[in-house]
Amino acid sequence: SFFGIISAIAYEYHSVVVAISIIPWFFHCIFKQYYWKSAICFLFMLISQEDISLFLVFICLGLLFKFRNNKRTLIILSVFSLISFLYFLVIIQVVIPYFSFSKSYTGFNYSILGKTPSEAFINLISNPLSNFKNLFINHFIDLKQADYIKLEFHFFTLLSGIYILFKRPYFLIMLIPLYIQK
C-alpha cells in the first residue's frame, strides 16, 4: 500500500491544518488585490475552526500595517479583522456553549491569563510586564528544565526569520497569537 494513503487514514483530521494552508493564498489574493478571492479564502479559514478567527484578527491587523496607503485594501482588511473578532466572540461565548453539555466553552486553556477570554484580555492590558515575563518562564509544569522550552521557541523564531522581521515588521503583529499560545 502507498504510505501517504495509510498515514492519511491512520490519523484523525485536523481542521487547523486546512485553514493554515489557505493563509498563503489569502496573502496572494490580498497582495494582488483579488478581493473576492481573498474573501472566499477568508471565509473558508474562518469556518474551519473557532480559534483561527483570532489568528485572522492579527493577520489582518498585520496586513493593515502593510497596506496602510491603499485605502480600498485598508477598508477590506479592517472589515475582515472586525468580522474575525466578532465571529470569535460569538462562537466561543454563544454557539459552542449552546451545543456543549456543560453549557460553557472549555477550549480556553490559558489559566495564567484568566479563566475566560475576557479575563485574559483584561489581564493582558492591565499587566503587560508580568505577561511579558510569562513569555520566558514555564507555568504549566513544575520543572526547572521546562523553562527552556519557551527559550527554544524564541531562539528558533529568531533564527528562522530575523531578517524578515527587520525588513517587514508587520509580521510581528501576526506573531502575537503564537506568543500568547506559548
N, C-alpha and C. Protein backbone atom coordinates (compact mmCIF):
# COMPACT_ATOMS: atom_id res chain seq x y z
N SER A 1 0.83 -1.19 0.00
CA SER A 1 0.00 0.00 0.00
C SER A 1 0.87 1.25 0.00
N PHE A 2 0.31 2.30 -0.45
CA PHE A 2 1.02 3.58 -0.56
C PHE A 2 1.08 4.25 0.80
N PHE A 3 2.29 4.69 1.24
CA PHE A 3 2.50 5.25 2.57
C PHE A 3 1.62 6.46 2.82
N GLY A 4 1.48 7.34 1.86
CA GLY A 4 0.68 8.55 2.05
C GLY A 4 -0.77 8.25 2.38
N ILE A 5 -1.32 7.25 1.74
CA ILE A 5 -2.72 6.89 1.99
C ILE A 5 -2.87 6.27 3.37
N ILE A 6 -1.95 5.39 3.73
CA ILE A 6 -2.01 4.74 5.05
C ILE A 6 -1.88 5.78 6.15
N SER A 7 -0.93 6.69 6.03
CA SER A 7 -0.76 7.68 7.10
C SER A 7 -1.92 8.66 7.14
N ALA A 8 -2.53 8.96 6.00
CA ALA A 8 -3.70 9.85 5.99
C ALA A 8 -4.89 9.20 6.70
N ILE A 9 -5.03 7.90 6.53
CA ILE A 9 -6.13 7.19 7.16
C ILE A 9 -5.85 6.94 8.64
N ALA A 10 -4.59 6.80 9.00
CA ALA A 10 -4.22 6.43 10.37
C ALA A 10 -4.41 7.54 11.38
N TYR A 11 -4.46 8.77 10.95
CA TYR A 11 -4.54 9.89 11.89
C TYR A 11 -5.87 10.61 11.75
N GLU A 12 -6.26 11.24 12.86
CA GLU A 12 -7.51 11.98 12.83
C GLU A 12 -7.35 13.26 11.99
N TYR A 13 -8.44 13.80 11.62
CA TYR A 13 -8.49 15.01 10.80
C TYR A 13 -8.26 16.24 11.67
N HIS A 14 -7.41 17.16 11.22
CA HIS A 14 -7.15 18.41 11.94
C HIS A 14 -7.53 19.57 11.03
N SER A 15 -8.62 20.22 11.35
CA SER A 15 -9.12 21.31 10.51
C SER A 15 -8.19 22.51 10.51
N VAL A 16 -7.39 22.67 11.55
CA VAL A 16 -6.48 23.80 11.61
C VAL A 16 -5.44 23.71 10.48
N VAL A 17 -5.06 22.50 10.11
CA VAL A 17 -4.10 22.32 9.02
C VAL A 17 -4.69 22.83 7.71
N VAL A 18 -5.94 22.56 7.49
CA VAL A 18 -6.62 23.04 6.28
C VAL A 18 -6.65 24.57 6.28
N ALA A 19 -7.01 25.15 7.40
CA ALA A 19 -7.10 26.62 7.49
C ALA A 19 -5.74 27.28 7.29
N ILE A 20 -4.73 26.75 7.93
CA ILE A 20 -3.39 27.34 7.83
C ILE A 20 -2.86 27.23 6.40
N SER A 21 -3.22 26.18 5.71
CA SER A 21 -2.75 26.02 4.33
C SER A 21 -3.36 27.04 3.37
N ILE A 22 -4.43 27.69 3.78
CA ILE A 22 -5.08 28.71 2.95
C ILE A 22 -4.44 30.08 3.16
N ILE A 23 -3.72 30.29 4.24
CA ILE A 23 -3.13 31.61 4.53
C ILE A 23 -2.26 32.13 3.39
N PRO A 24 -1.36 31.32 2.80
CA PRO A 24 -0.58 31.86 1.67
C PRO A 24 -1.45 32.32 0.50
N TRP A 25 -2.54 31.61 0.25
CA TRP A 25 -3.45 32.02 -0.82
C TRP A 25 -4.16 33.32 -0.46
N PHE A 26 -4.51 33.46 0.80
CA PHE A 26 -5.11 34.70 1.28
C PHE A 26 -4.14 35.86 1.08
N PHE A 27 -2.88 35.66 1.46
CA PHE A 27 -1.86 36.69 1.25
C PHE A 27 -1.73 37.04 -0.24
N HIS A 28 -1.67 36.00 -1.05
CA HIS A 28 -1.53 36.23 -2.50
C HIS A 28 -2.70 37.07 -3.04
N CYS A 29 -3.90 36.72 -2.64
CA CYS A 29 -5.08 37.45 -3.13
C CYS A 29 -5.09 38.89 -2.63
N ILE A 30 -4.69 39.12 -1.40
CA ILE A 30 -4.62 40.49 -0.88
C ILE A 30 -3.54 41.28 -1.61
N PHE A 31 -2.36 40.69 -1.77
CA PHE A 31 -1.26 41.40 -2.43
C PHE A 31 -1.59 41.71 -3.89
N LYS A 32 -2.31 40.83 -4.56
CA LYS A 32 -2.69 41.04 -5.96
C LYS A 32 -3.99 41.82 -6.09
N GLN A 33 -4.62 42.14 -4.97
CA GLN A 33 -5.88 42.88 -4.91
C GLN A 33 -7.03 42.13 -5.58
N TYR A 34 -7.03 40.82 -5.39
CA TYR A 34 -8.15 39.97 -5.81
C TYR A 34 -9.09 39.87 -4.60
N TYR A 35 -9.91 40.87 -4.42
CA TYR A 35 -10.68 40.98 -3.19
C TYR A 35 -11.74 39.91 -3.02
N TRP A 36 -12.41 39.52 -4.10
CA TRP A 36 -13.42 38.47 -3.99
C TRP A 36 -12.78 37.13 -3.66
N LYS A 37 -11.65 36.86 -4.27
CA LYS A 37 -10.95 35.61 -3.97
C LYS A 37 -10.41 35.63 -2.55
N SER A 38 -9.94 36.79 -2.10
CA SER A 38 -9.46 36.87 -0.71
C SER A 38 -10.62 36.67 0.26
N ALA A 39 -11.80 37.15 -0.08
CA ALA A 39 -12.97 36.96 0.77
C ALA A 39 -13.34 35.48 0.86
N ILE A 40 -13.22 34.76 -0.23
CA ILE A 40 -13.51 33.32 -0.23
C ILE A 40 -12.50 32.59 0.65
N CYS A 41 -11.22 32.92 0.50
CA CYS A 41 -10.18 32.33 1.36
C CYS A 41 -10.45 32.66 2.82
N PHE A 42 -10.79 33.90 3.09
CA PHE A 42 -11.06 34.37 4.44
C PHE A 42 -12.22 33.58 5.06
N LEU A 43 -13.31 33.45 4.34
CA LEU A 43 -14.47 32.72 4.86
C LEU A 43 -14.17 31.24 5.07
N PHE A 44 -13.41 30.66 4.16
CA PHE A 44 -13.04 29.25 4.29
C PHE A 44 -12.21 29.04 5.55
N MET A 45 -11.25 29.94 5.81
CA MET A 45 -10.44 29.82 7.03
C MET A 45 -11.29 30.07 8.27
N LEU A 46 -12.16 31.05 8.20
CA LEU A 46 -12.97 31.44 9.35
C LEU A 46 -13.83 30.30 9.86
N ILE A 47 -14.44 29.55 8.96
CA ILE A 47 -15.35 28.48 9.38
C ILE A 47 -14.63 27.16 9.67
N SER A 48 -13.34 27.10 9.47
CA SER A 48 -12.63 25.83 9.65
C SER A 48 -12.48 25.43 11.10
N GLN A 49 -12.20 26.39 11.98
CA GLN A 49 -12.02 26.09 13.41
C GLN A 49 -12.19 27.38 14.19
N GLU A 50 -12.69 27.29 15.43
CA GLU A 50 -13.06 28.50 16.17
C GLU A 50 -11.88 29.41 16.48
N ASP A 51 -10.71 28.87 16.77
CA ASP A 51 -9.60 29.74 17.16
C ASP A 51 -8.86 30.37 15.99
N ILE A 52 -9.10 29.90 14.79
CA ILE A 52 -8.48 30.51 13.62
C ILE A 52 -8.98 31.94 13.45
N SER A 53 -10.20 32.21 13.87
CA SER A 53 -10.73 33.58 13.75
C SER A 53 -9.90 34.56 14.56
N LEU A 54 -9.37 34.13 15.70
CA LEU A 54 -8.49 35.00 16.49
C LEU A 54 -7.17 35.24 15.76
N PHE A 55 -6.63 34.21 15.14
CA PHE A 55 -5.41 34.37 14.35
C PHE A 55 -5.66 35.33 13.18
N LEU A 56 -6.84 35.21 12.56
CA LEU A 56 -7.16 36.08 11.43
C LEU A 56 -7.25 37.55 11.82
N VAL A 57 -7.66 37.83 13.06
CA VAL A 57 -7.66 39.22 13.52
C VAL A 57 -6.26 39.79 13.41
N PHE A 58 -5.27 39.07 13.91
CA PHE A 58 -3.90 39.56 13.92
C PHE A 58 -3.26 39.52 12.54
N ILE A 59 -3.62 38.55 11.73
CA ILE A 59 -3.12 38.52 10.35
C ILE A 59 -3.63 39.76 9.60
N CYS A 60 -4.90 40.05 9.74
CA CYS A 60 -5.48 41.23 9.07
C CYS A 60 -4.89 42.52 9.63
N LEU A 61 -4.65 42.58 10.94
CA LEU A 61 -4.03 43.78 11.51
C LEU A 61 -2.61 43.98 10.99
N GLY A 62 -1.87 42.89 10.86
CA GLY A 62 -0.52 42.99 10.29
C GLY A 62 -0.56 43.47 8.85
N LEU A 63 -1.49 42.93 8.07
CA LEU A 63 -1.63 43.37 6.68
C LEU A 63 -2.14 44.80 6.59
N LEU A 64 -2.94 45.23 7.57
CA LEU A 64 -3.37 46.63 7.62
C LEU A 64 -2.17 47.56 7.68
N PHE A 65 -1.21 47.20 8.50
CA PHE A 65 0.01 48.00 8.62
C PHE A 65 0.76 48.02 7.29
N LYS A 66 0.81 46.89 6.61
CA LYS A 66 1.49 46.79 5.32
C LYS A 66 0.80 47.64 4.26
N PHE A 67 -0.53 47.61 4.22
CA PHE A 67 -1.29 48.30 3.17
C PHE A 67 -1.93 49.59 3.66
N ARG A 68 -1.27 50.27 4.58
CA ARG A 68 -1.85 51.49 5.17
C ARG A 68 -2.03 52.61 4.15
N ASN A 69 -1.38 52.55 3.00
CA ASN A 69 -1.50 53.59 1.97
C ASN A 69 -2.51 53.25 0.88
N ASN A 70 -3.07 52.06 0.92
CA ASN A 70 -4.05 51.62 -0.08
C ASN A 70 -5.42 51.62 0.58
N LYS A 71 -6.22 52.64 0.30
CA LYS A 71 -7.48 52.85 1.01
C LYS A 71 -8.45 51.68 0.86
N ARG A 72 -8.59 51.15 -0.33
CA ARG A 72 -9.55 50.06 -0.55
C ARG A 72 -9.13 48.80 0.20
N THR A 73 -7.85 48.45 0.12
CA THR A 73 -7.35 47.27 0.83
C THR A 73 -7.45 47.49 2.34
N LEU A 74 -7.20 48.70 2.77
CA LEU A 74 -7.30 49.05 4.19
C LEU A 74 -8.72 48.82 4.71
N ILE A 75 -9.70 49.25 3.94
CA ILE A 75 -11.10 49.06 4.33
C ILE A 75 -11.46 47.58 4.38
N ILE A 76 -11.06 46.84 3.36
CA ILE A 76 -11.37 45.41 3.30
C ILE A 76 -10.73 44.66 4.45
N LEU A 77 -9.47 44.95 4.74
CA LEU A 77 -8.79 44.27 5.84
C LEU A 77 -9.37 44.67 7.19
N SER A 78 -9.82 45.91 7.31
CA SER A 78 -10.48 46.34 8.55
C SER A 78 -11.78 45.57 8.76
N VAL A 79 -12.53 45.41 7.70
CA VAL A 79 -13.78 44.64 7.77
C VAL A 79 -13.48 43.18 8.11
N PHE A 80 -12.48 42.60 7.45
CA PHE A 80 -12.10 41.21 7.75
C PHE A 80 -11.70 41.06 9.21
N SER A 81 -10.92 42.00 9.71
CA SER A 81 -10.47 41.94 11.11
C SER A 81 -11.65 42.04 12.08
N LEU A 82 -12.55 42.95 11.81
CA LEU A 82 -13.73 43.12 12.66
C LEU A 82 -14.62 41.87 12.61
N ILE A 83 -14.84 41.35 11.42
CA ILE A 83 -15.65 40.12 11.27
C ILE A 83 -15.00 38.98 12.04
N SER A 84 -13.69 38.84 11.94
CA SER A 84 -12.98 37.77 12.64
C SER A 84 -13.16 37.89 14.15
N PHE A 85 -13.00 39.10 14.67
CA PHE A 85 -13.13 39.31 16.10
C PHE A 85 -14.55 39.02 16.58
N LEU A 86 -15.54 39.52 15.86
CA LEU A 86 -16.93 39.28 16.24
C LEU A 86 -17.29 37.80 16.13
N TYR A 87 -16.81 37.16 15.08
CA TYR A 87 -17.05 35.73 14.89
C TYR A 87 -16.45 34.94 16.05
N PHE A 88 -15.23 35.29 16.44
CA PHE A 88 -14.57 34.62 17.57
C PHE A 88 -15.41 34.74 18.83
N LEU A 89 -15.88 35.96 19.12
CA LEU A 89 -16.69 36.17 20.32
C LEU A 89 -17.99 35.38 20.28
N VAL A 90 -18.68 35.42 19.15
CA VAL A 90 -19.97 34.72 19.04
C VAL A 90 -19.76 33.21 19.15
N ILE A 91 -18.74 32.70 18.51
CA ILE A 91 -18.50 31.25 18.53
C ILE A 91 -18.19 30.76 19.94
N ILE A 92 -17.26 31.46 20.65
CA ILE A 92 -16.85 30.93 21.96
C ILE A 92 -17.78 31.31 23.10
N GLN A 93 -18.60 32.34 22.91
CA GLN A 93 -19.49 32.74 24.00
C GLN A 93 -20.94 32.34 23.79
N VAL A 94 -21.33 32.03 22.56
CA VAL A 94 -22.74 31.69 22.30
C VAL A 94 -22.88 30.31 21.67
N VAL A 95 -22.27 30.11 20.52
CA VAL A 95 -22.53 28.89 19.74
C VAL A 95 -22.00 27.64 20.43
N ILE A 96 -20.70 27.62 20.76
CA ILE A 96 -20.13 26.42 21.38
C ILE A 96 -20.77 26.13 22.74
N PRO A 97 -20.95 27.13 23.62
CA PRO A 97 -21.64 26.83 24.89
C PRO A 97 -23.06 26.30 24.69
N TYR A 98 -23.75 26.78 23.67
CA TYR A 98 -25.12 26.31 23.41
C TYR A 98 -25.14 24.81 23.14
N PHE A 99 -24.17 24.32 22.36
CA PHE A 99 -24.14 22.91 21.99
C PHE A 99 -23.35 22.04 22.98
N SER A 100 -22.72 22.65 23.95
CA SER A 100 -21.91 21.92 24.92
C SER A 100 -22.78 21.36 26.04
N PHE A 101 -22.38 20.18 26.56
CA PHE A 101 -23.10 19.59 27.69
C PHE A 101 -22.95 20.46 28.94
N SER A 102 -21.77 21.07 29.11
CA SER A 102 -21.53 21.89 30.30
C SER A 102 -22.04 23.31 30.13
N LYS A 103 -22.53 23.64 28.94
CA LYS A 103 -23.03 24.98 28.61
C LYS A 103 -21.97 26.05 28.81
N SER A 104 -20.71 25.68 28.54
CA SER A 104 -19.61 26.64 28.61
C SER A 104 -18.57 26.28 27.54
N TYR A 105 -17.68 27.20 27.26
CA TYR A 105 -16.60 26.97 26.31
C TYR A 105 -15.42 26.41 27.09
N THR A 106 -15.05 25.17 26.83
CA THR A 106 -13.98 24.52 27.57
C THR A 106 -12.65 24.51 26.82
N GLY A 107 -12.59 25.17 25.69
CA GLY A 107 -11.37 25.18 24.89
C GLY A 107 -10.37 26.24 25.28
N PHE A 108 -10.68 27.04 26.30
CA PHE A 108 -9.77 28.11 26.72
C PHE A 108 -8.83 27.57 27.79
N ASN A 109 -7.58 27.33 27.42
CA ASN A 109 -6.61 26.71 28.33
C ASN A 109 -5.43 27.64 28.62
N TYR A 110 -5.72 28.85 29.00
CA TYR A 110 -4.67 29.82 29.29
C TYR A 110 -4.87 30.35 30.72
N SER A 111 -4.82 29.44 31.68
CA SER A 111 -5.16 29.77 33.07
C SER A 111 -4.28 30.86 33.66
N ILE A 112 -3.07 31.01 33.18
CA ILE A 112 -2.19 32.04 33.71
C ILE A 112 -2.71 33.44 33.38
N LEU A 113 -3.51 33.55 32.32
CA LEU A 113 -4.06 34.84 31.92
C LEU A 113 -5.42 35.10 32.55
N GLY A 114 -6.18 34.06 32.82
CA GLY A 114 -7.51 34.20 33.38
C GLY A 114 -8.35 32.98 33.06
N LYS A 115 -9.54 32.91 33.64
CA LYS A 115 -10.41 31.76 33.43
C LYS A 115 -11.21 31.83 32.13
N THR A 116 -11.41 33.05 31.64
CA THR A 116 -12.20 33.25 30.42
C THR A 116 -11.40 34.14 29.46
N PRO A 117 -11.78 34.14 28.18
CA PRO A 117 -11.09 35.03 27.24
C PRO A 117 -11.18 36.50 27.62
N SER A 118 -12.30 36.93 28.18
CA SER A 118 -12.41 38.35 28.56
C SER A 118 -11.49 38.67 29.74
N GLU A 119 -11.37 37.76 30.71
CA GLU A 119 -10.42 37.96 31.80
C GLU A 119 -8.99 38.01 31.28
N ALA A 120 -8.68 37.15 30.31
CA ALA A 120 -7.35 37.13 29.73
C ALA A 120 -7.04 38.45 29.02
N PHE A 121 -8.01 38.97 28.29
CA PHE A 121 -7.81 40.23 27.59
C PHE A 121 -7.54 41.36 28.58
N ILE A 122 -8.33 41.42 29.64
CA ILE A 122 -8.14 42.46 30.66
C ILE A 122 -6.77 42.30 31.32
N ASN A 123 -6.39 41.06 31.60
CA ASN A 123 -5.09 40.80 32.21
C ASN A 123 -3.94 41.22 31.29
N LEU A 124 -4.07 40.93 30.00
CA LEU A 124 -3.02 41.32 29.05
C LEU A 124 -2.84 42.83 29.00
N ILE A 125 -3.94 43.57 29.07
CA ILE A 125 -3.89 45.03 29.03
C ILE A 125 -3.39 45.61 30.35
N SER A 126 -3.85 45.07 31.46
CA SER A 126 -3.55 45.67 32.76
C SER A 126 -2.20 45.24 33.35
N ASN A 127 -1.66 44.09 32.94
CA ASN A 127 -0.38 43.60 33.49
C ASN A 127 0.62 43.26 32.39
N PRO A 128 1.01 44.22 31.55
CA PRO A 128 1.87 43.87 30.42
C PRO A 128 3.25 43.35 30.83
N LEU A 129 3.86 43.90 31.87
CA LEU A 129 5.19 43.45 32.28
C LEU A 129 5.16 42.04 32.85
N SER A 130 4.17 41.75 33.65
CA SER A 130 4.04 40.40 34.20
C SER A 130 3.81 39.38 33.09
N ASN A 131 2.99 39.75 32.11
CA ASN A 131 2.73 38.85 31.00
C ASN A 131 3.92 38.71 30.08
N PHE A 132 4.74 39.74 29.97
CA PHE A 132 5.97 39.63 29.18
C PHE A 132 6.89 38.60 29.82
N LYS A 133 6.97 38.58 31.14
CA LYS A 133 7.78 37.60 31.86
C LYS A 133 7.29 36.18 31.56
N ASN A 134 5.98 36.03 31.40
CA ASN A 134 5.42 34.71 31.13
C ASN A 134 5.83 34.16 29.77
N LEU A 135 6.35 35.02 28.90
CA LEU A 135 6.83 34.55 27.60
C LEU A 135 8.13 33.76 27.74
N PHE A 136 8.78 33.86 28.90
CA PHE A 136 10.09 33.23 29.07
C PHE A 136 10.12 32.13 30.12
N ILE A 137 9.14 32.10 31.00
CA ILE A 137 9.15 31.07 32.04
C ILE A 137 8.03 30.08 31.80
N ASN A 138 8.21 28.89 32.32
CA ASN A 138 7.21 27.84 32.21
C ASN A 138 6.19 28.00 33.33
N HIS A 139 4.94 27.88 33.04
CA HIS A 139 3.91 27.98 34.07
C HIS A 139 2.97 26.78 34.07
N PHE A 140 3.28 25.76 33.29
CA PHE A 140 2.42 24.59 33.23
C PHE A 140 2.95 23.43 34.08
N ILE A 141 4.25 23.16 33.98
CA ILE A 141 4.85 22.02 34.64
C ILE A 141 5.81 22.53 35.71
N ASP A 142 5.82 21.89 36.85
CA ASP A 142 6.69 22.31 37.94
C ASP A 142 8.08 21.69 37.79
N LEU A 143 8.74 22.03 36.71
CA LEU A 143 10.10 21.56 36.45
C LEU A 143 10.96 22.74 36.02
N LYS A 144 12.14 22.84 36.59
CA LYS A 144 13.06 23.93 36.21
C LYS A 144 13.49 23.77 34.74
N GLN A 145 13.66 22.53 34.29
CA GLN A 145 14.13 22.29 32.92
C GLN A 145 13.11 22.77 31.88
N ALA A 146 11.86 22.82 32.25
CA ALA A 146 10.81 23.21 31.31
C ALA A 146 10.86 24.70 30.96
N ASP A 147 11.55 25.50 31.77
CA ASP A 147 11.67 26.93 31.47
C ASP A 147 12.36 27.18 30.14
N TYR A 148 13.20 26.26 29.71
CA TYR A 148 13.96 26.46 28.48
C TYR A 148 13.16 26.13 27.22
N ILE A 149 12.00 25.53 27.38
CA ILE A 149 11.18 25.21 26.21
C ILE A 149 10.77 26.50 25.48
N LYS A 150 10.36 27.50 26.23
CA LYS A 150 9.97 28.77 25.60
C LYS A 150 11.17 29.48 25.01
N LEU A 151 12.32 29.36 25.67
CA LEU A 151 13.53 29.96 25.13
C LEU A 151 13.88 29.34 23.77
N GLU A 152 13.67 28.04 23.64
CA GLU A 152 13.89 27.37 22.35
C GLU A 152 12.96 27.94 21.29
N PHE A 153 11.70 28.17 21.65
CA PHE A 153 10.74 28.74 20.71
C PHE A 153 11.22 30.11 20.22
N HIS A 154 11.65 30.95 21.15
CA HIS A 154 12.14 32.29 20.78
C HIS A 154 13.39 32.20 19.91
N PHE A 155 14.28 31.31 20.27
CA PHE A 155 15.52 31.15 19.52
C PHE A 155 15.24 30.73 18.08
N PHE A 156 14.39 29.73 17.90
CA PHE A 156 14.12 29.25 16.55
C PHE A 156 13.26 30.22 15.75
N THR A 157 12.43 30.98 16.43
CA THR A 157 11.67 32.02 15.73
C THR A 157 12.62 33.07 15.16
N LEU A 158 13.57 33.48 15.98
CA LEU A 158 14.55 34.47 15.52
C LEU A 158 15.47 33.88 14.46
N LEU A 159 15.91 32.65 14.66
CA LEU A 159 16.81 32.00 13.73
C LEU A 159 16.16 31.80 12.36
N SER A 160 14.89 31.48 12.36
CA SER A 160 14.24 31.15 11.09
C SER A 160 13.83 32.35 10.26
N GLY A 161 13.81 33.56 10.84
CA GLY A 161 13.36 34.66 10.01
C GLY A 161 13.65 36.05 10.54
N ILE A 162 14.74 36.23 11.23
CA ILE A 162 15.04 37.54 11.81
C ILE A 162 15.14 38.63 10.74
N TYR A 163 15.71 38.31 9.60
CA TYR A 163 15.86 39.32 8.55
C TYR A 163 14.50 39.78 8.02
N ILE A 164 13.53 38.88 7.99
CA ILE A 164 12.19 39.26 7.53
C ILE A 164 11.55 40.23 8.51
N LEU A 165 11.77 40.00 9.79
CA LEU A 165 11.17 40.87 10.80
C LEU A 165 11.75 42.28 10.72
N PHE A 166 13.00 42.40 10.34
CA PHE A 166 13.60 43.74 10.19
C PHE A 166 13.12 44.42 8.91
N LYS A 167 12.95 43.65 7.85
CA LYS A 167 12.51 44.22 6.58
C LYS A 167 11.00 44.43 6.53
N ARG A 168 10.27 43.58 7.23
CA ARG A 168 8.81 43.64 7.21
C ARG A 168 8.26 43.49 8.64
N PRO A 169 8.30 44.56 9.41
CA PRO A 169 7.91 44.47 10.82
C PRO A 169 6.43 44.14 11.04
N TYR A 170 5.62 44.25 10.02
CA TYR A 170 4.20 43.92 10.20
C TYR A 170 4.00 42.44 10.49
N PHE A 171 5.00 41.61 10.20
CA PHE A 171 4.90 40.20 10.56
C PHE A 171 4.91 40.00 12.07
N LEU A 172 5.50 40.93 12.81
CA LEU A 172 5.49 40.83 14.28
C LEU A 172 4.07 40.85 14.83
N ILE A 173 3.22 41.65 14.21
CA ILE A 173 1.81 41.71 14.65
C ILE A 173 1.15 40.36 14.44
N MET A 174 1.50 39.70 13.35
CA MET A 174 0.90 38.41 13.05
C MET A 174 1.40 37.31 13.99
N LEU A 175 2.53 37.52 14.65
CA LEU A 175 3.07 36.52 15.57
C LEU A 175 2.46 36.61 16.97
N ILE A 176 1.72 37.65 17.25
CA ILE A 176 1.17 37.85 18.61
C ILE A 176 0.37 36.63 19.08
N PRO A 177 -0.54 36.06 18.29
CA PRO A 177 -1.28 34.91 18.81
C PRO A 177 -0.38 33.70 19.10
N LEU A 178 0.68 33.52 18.32
CA LEU A 178 1.58 32.41 18.60
C LEU A 178 2.27 32.60 19.94
N TYR A 179 2.68 33.82 20.23
CA TYR A 179 3.32 34.08 21.51
C TYR A 179 2.33 33.98 22.67
N ILE A 180 1.10 34.36 22.46
CA ILE A 180 0.09 34.22 23.51
C ILE A 180 -0.15 32.73 23.81
N GLN A 181 -0.13 31.92 22.77
CA GLN A 181 -0.32 30.48 22.97
C GLN A 181 0.81 29.86 23.76
N LYS A 182 2.00 30.35 23.55
CA LYS A 182 3.17 29.76 24.24
C LYS A 182 3.17 30.18 25.68
